[in-house]
């Protein structure tokens, strides 16, 4: 199948497929006209890559799972290396979530009191004196 067909079958873009190929996660052959041609196994492989990326892994992380990308990734017990990579990525995501939560809370507090003053102290000139 050609790149557009694979993109359509997997819900991705030709650009993403070229990137996966450049990263060594998928491969193709070239037709006589120079078009990339993928075999049917590429559909499952790309779906697995997308599943892992959606779970928060990077393309570099996905490399660890190369031996099982052509099957049911979720059904295969992960290797020790795969578990380590997943735990490391989870820790990074947790750090990012904590930082984003802190930023959100600061913004929410600033919006609740846009002048940054304590609610207990009335603003100066509140009674029109001045």
C-alpha atoms as a PDB file:
ATOM      1  CA  UNK A   1       0.000   0.000   0.000  1.00  0.00           C
ATOM      2  CA  UNK A   2       1.151   3.534  -0.652  1.00  0.00           C
ATOM      3  CA  UNK A   3       1.783   6.134   2.024  1.00  0.00           C
ATOM      4  CA  UNK A   4      -1.596   7.844   1.613  1.00  0.00           C
ATOM      5  CA  UNK A   5      -3.404   4.536   2.009  1.00  0.00           C
ATOM      6  CA  UNK A   6      -1.428   3.709   5.151  1.00  0.00           C
ATOM      7  CA  UNK A   7      -2.121   7.175   6.540  1.00  0.00           C
ATOM      8  CA  UNK A   8      -5.836   6.722   5.924  1.00  0.00           C
ATOM      9  CA  UNK A   9      -5.896   3.237   7.428  1.00  0.00           C
ATOM     10  CA  UNK A  10      -4.153   4.378  10.598  1.00  0.00           C
ATOM     11  CA  UNK A  11      -5.618   7.846  11.100  1.00  0.00           C
ATOM     12  CA  UNK A  12      -2.293   9.585  10.761  1.00  0.00           C
ATOM     13  CA  UNK A  13      -0.579  11.739   8.167  1.00  0.00           C
ATOM     14  CA  UNK A  14       1.946  10.961   5.465  1.00  0.00           C
ATOM     15  CA  UNK A  15       4.291  13.383   7.187  1.00  0.00           C
ATOM     16  CA  UNK A  16       4.077  11.420  10.460  1.00  0.00           C
ATOM     17  CA  UNK A  17       4.699   8.168   8.577  1.00  0.00           C
ATOM     18  CA  UNK A  18       7.807   9.611   6.947  1.00  0.00           C
ATOM     19  CA  UNK A  19       8.960  10.711  10.398  1.00  0.00           C
ATOM     20  CA  UNK A  20       8.377   7.219  11.835  1.00  0.00           C
ATOM     21  CA  UNK A  21      10.324   5.782   8.928  1.00  0.00           C
ATOM     22  CA  UNK A  22      13.161   8.260   9.398  1.00  0.00           C
ATOM     23  CA  UNK A  23      13.222   7.252  13.077  1.00  0.00           C
ATOM     24  CA  UNK A  24      13.573   3.589  12.110  1.00  0.00           C
ATOM     25  CA  UNK A  25      10.190   2.522  13.475  1.00  0.00           C
ATOM     26  CA  UNK A  26       8.662   1.497  10.142  1.00  0.00           C
ATOM     27  CA  UNK A  27      10.117   0.652   6.763  1.00  0.00           C
ATOM     28  CA  UNK A  28       9.032   0.684   3.157  1.00  0.00           C
ATOM     29  CA  UNK A  29      10.256  -0.352  -0.226  1.00  0.00           C
ATOM     30  CA  UNK A  30      10.217   1.848  -3.311  1.00  0.00           C
ATOM     31  CA  UNK A  31       8.069   1.191  -6.332  1.00  0.00           C
ATOM     32  CA  UNK A  32       9.544   1.747  -9.794  1.00  0.00           C
ATOM     33  CA  UNK A  33       8.009   5.230  -9.779  1.00  0.00           C
ATOM     34  CA  UNK A  34       9.756   6.056  -6.468  1.00  0.00           C
ATOM     35  CA  UNK A  35       6.641   5.883  -4.294  1.00  0.00           C
ATOM     36  CA  UNK A  36       6.944   4.337  -0.867  1.00  0.00           C
ATOM     37  CA  UNK A  37       5.195   0.975  -0.557  1.00  0.00           C
ATOM     38  CA  UNK A  38       4.298  -0.532   2.818  1.00  0.00           C
ATOM     39  CA  UNK A  39       3.206  -4.066   3.603  1.00  0.00           C
ATOM     40  CA  UNK A  40      -0.003  -4.906   5.472  1.00  0.00           C
ATOM     41  CA  UNK A  41       1.875  -5.394   8.769  1.00  0.00           C
ATOM     42  CA  UNK A  42       2.640  -1.664   8.757  1.00  0.00           C
ATOM     43  CA  UNK A  43      -0.983  -0.908   9.681  1.00  0.00           C
ATOM     44  CA  UNK A  44      -0.713  -2.697  13.026  1.00  0.00           C
ATOM     45  CA  UNK A  45       2.760  -1.335  13.661  1.00  0.00           C
ATOM     46  CA  UNK A  46       1.685   2.264  13.061  1.00  0.00           C
ATOM     47  CA  UNK A  47      -1.401   1.825  15.238  1.00  0.00           C
ATOM     48  CA  UNK A  48       0.834   0.497  18.032  1.00  0.00           C
ATOM     49  CA  UNK A  49       3.259   3.401  17.606  1.00  0.00           C
ATOM     50  CA  UNK A  50       0.381   5.862  17.830  1.00  0.00           C
ATOM     51  CA  UNK A  51      -1.005   4.033  20.890  1.00  0.00           C
ATOM     52  CA  UNK A  52       2.346   4.366  22.678  1.00  0.00           C
ATOM     53  CA  UNK A  53       2.747   8.009  21.660  1.00  0.00           C
ATOM     54  CA  UNK A  54      -0.764   8.777  22.913  1.00  0.00           C
ATOM     55  CA  UNK A  55       0.172   7.147  26.223  1.00  0.00           C
ATOM     56  CA  UNK A  56       2.888   9.781  26.614  1.00  0.00           C
ATOM     57  CA  UNK A  57       5.955   8.017  25.269  1.00  0.00           C
ATOM     58  CA  UNK A  58       8.343   9.671  22.833  1.00  0.00           C
ATOM     59  CA  UNK A  59       9.518   8.179  19.541  1.00  0.00           C
ATOM     60  CA  UNK A  60      12.812   7.374  21.253  1.00  0.00           C
ATOM     61  CA  UNK A  61      10.891   5.551  24.002  1.00  0.00           C
ATOM     62  CA  UNK A  62       8.919   3.605  21.392  1.00  0.00           C
ATOM     63  CA  UNK A  63      12.168   2.109  20.068  1.00  0.00           C
ATOM     64  CA  UNK A  64      12.343  -0.071  23.180  1.00  0.00           C
ATOM     65  CA  UNK A  65       9.105  -1.729  22.075  1.00  0.00           C
ATOM     66  CA  UNK A  66      10.266  -2.516  18.508  1.00  0.00           C
ATOM     67  CA  UNK A  67      10.251  -6.296  19.076  1.00  0.00           C
ATOM     68  CA  UNK A  68       6.530  -6.301  19.836  1.00  0.00           C
ATOM     69  CA  UNK A  69       5.186  -3.486  17.625  1.00  0.00           C
ATOM     70  CA  UNK A  70       3.843  -5.907  15.020  1.00  0.00           C
ATOM     71  CA  UNK A  71       1.608  -7.732  17.500  1.00  0.00           C
ATOM     72  CA  UNK A  72      -0.789  -6.769  20.249  1.00  0.00           C
ATOM     73  CA  UNK A  73       1.447  -4.501  22.336  1.00  0.00           C
ATOM     74  CA  UNK A  74      -1.046  -4.338  25.194  1.00  0.00           C
ATOM     75  CA  UNK A  75      -1.208  -8.153  25.458  1.00  0.00           C
ATOM     76  CA  UNK A  76       2.551  -8.759  25.584  1.00  0.00           C
ATOM     77  CA  UNK A  77       4.196  -8.554  29.004  1.00  0.00           C
ATOM     78  CA  UNK A  78       6.635  -5.635  28.870  1.00  0.00           C
ATOM     79  CA  UNK A  79      10.355  -6.225  29.185  1.00  0.00           C
ATOM     80  CA  UNK A  80      12.301  -4.859  32.121  1.00  0.00           C
ATOM     81  CA  UNK A  81      13.655  -2.149  29.826  1.00  0.00           C
ATOM     82  CA  UNK A  82      10.138  -1.344  28.623  1.00  0.00           C
ATOM     83  CA  UNK A  83       8.900  -1.031  32.197  1.00  0.00           C
ATOM     84  CA  UNK A  84      11.836   1.221  33.088  1.00  0.00           C
ATOM     85  CA  UNK A  85      11.144   3.495  30.120  1.00  0.00           C
ATOM     86  CA  UNK A  86       7.428   3.647  30.951  1.00  0.00           C
ATOM     87  CA  UNK A  87       8.134   4.460  34.607  1.00  0.00           C
ATOM     88  CA  UNK A  88      10.623   7.170  33.635  1.00  0.00           C
ATOM     89  CA  UNK A  89       8.119   8.699  31.207  1.00  0.00           C
ATOM     90  CA  UNK A  90       5.398   8.555  33.887  1.00  0.00           C
ATOM     91  CA  UNK A  91       7.679  10.419  36.302  1.00  0.00           C
ATOM     92  CA  UNK A  92       8.323  13.110  33.675  1.00  0.00           C
ATOM     93  CA  UNK A  93       4.601  13.440  32.979  1.00  0.00           C
ATOM     94  CA  UNK A  94       3.844  13.692  36.709  1.00  0.00           C
ATOM     95  CA  UNK A  95       6.430  16.490  37.051  1.00  0.00           C
ATOM     96  CA  UNK A  96       4.889  18.352  34.121  1.00  0.00           C
ATOM     97  CA  UNK A  97       1.393  17.924  35.513  1.00  0.00           C
ATOM     98  CA  UNK A  98       2.514  19.227  38.924  1.00  0.00           C
ATOM     99  CA  UNK A  99       4.158  22.267  37.311  1.00  0.00           C
ATOM    100  CA  UNK A 100       1.094  22.968  35.176  1.00  0.00           C
ATOM    101  CA  UNK A 101      -1.216  22.552  38.182  1.00  0.00           C
ATOM    102  CA  UNK A 102       0.893  25.028  40.157  1.00  0.00           C
ATOM    103  CA  UNK A 103       0.811  27.523  37.276  1.00  0.00           C
ATOM    104  CA  UNK A 104      -2.957  27.096  36.920  1.00  0.00           C
ATOM    105  CA  UNK A 105      -3.484  27.654  40.641  1.00  0.00           C
ATOM    106  CA  UNK A 106      -1.359  30.839  40.574  1.00  0.00           C
ATOM    107  CA  UNK A 107      -3.302  32.139  37.586  1.00  0.00           C
ATOM    108  CA  UNK A 108      -6.640  31.286  39.202  1.00  0.00           C
ATOM    109  CA  UNK A 109      -5.566  33.108  42.374  1.00  0.00           C
ATOM    110  CA  UNK A 110      -4.473  36.137  40.359  1.00  0.00           C
ATOM    111  CA  UNK A 111      -7.806  36.218  38.554  1.00  0.00           C
ATOM    112  CA  UNK A 112      -9.708  35.909  41.815  1.00  0.00           C
ATOM    113  CA  UNK A 113      -7.899  39.030  43.061  1.00  0.00           C
ATOM    114  CA  UNK A 114      -6.484  40.756  39.975  1.00  0.00           C
ATOM    115  CA  UNK A 115      -4.823  43.546  41.991  1.00  0.00           C
ATOM    116  CA  UNK A 116      -3.032  41.054  44.223  1.00  0.00           C
ATOM    117  CA  UNK A 117      -4.360  42.591  47.404  1.00  0.00           C
ATOM    118  CA  UNK A 118      -5.657  40.827  50.423  1.00  0.00           C
ATOM    119  CA  UNK A 119      -9.431  40.643  50.536  1.00  0.00           C
ATOM    120  CA  UNK A 120      -9.357  41.882  54.181  1.00  0.00           C
ATOM    121  CA  UNK A 121      -7.770  45.264  53.413  1.00  0.00           C
ATOM    122  CA  UNK A 122     -10.059  47.734  51.632  1.00  0.00           C
ATOM    123  CA  UNK A 123      -8.475  49.470  48.641  1.00  0.00           C
ATOM    124  CA  UNK A 124      -7.331  53.068  49.181  1.00  0.00           C
ATOM    125  CA  UNK A 125      -9.838  55.764  48.349  1.00  0.00           C
ATOM    126  CA  UNK A 126     -12.675  53.237  48.606  1.00  0.00           C
ATOM    127  CA  UNK A 127     -14.977  55.873  50.035  1.00  0.00           C
ATOM    128  CA  UNK A 128     -14.278  58.536  47.473  1.00  0.00           C
ATOM    129  CA  UNK A 129     -11.920  60.551  49.658  1.00  0.00           C
ATOM    130  CA  UNK A 130      -9.099  61.832  47.644  1.00  0.00           C
END
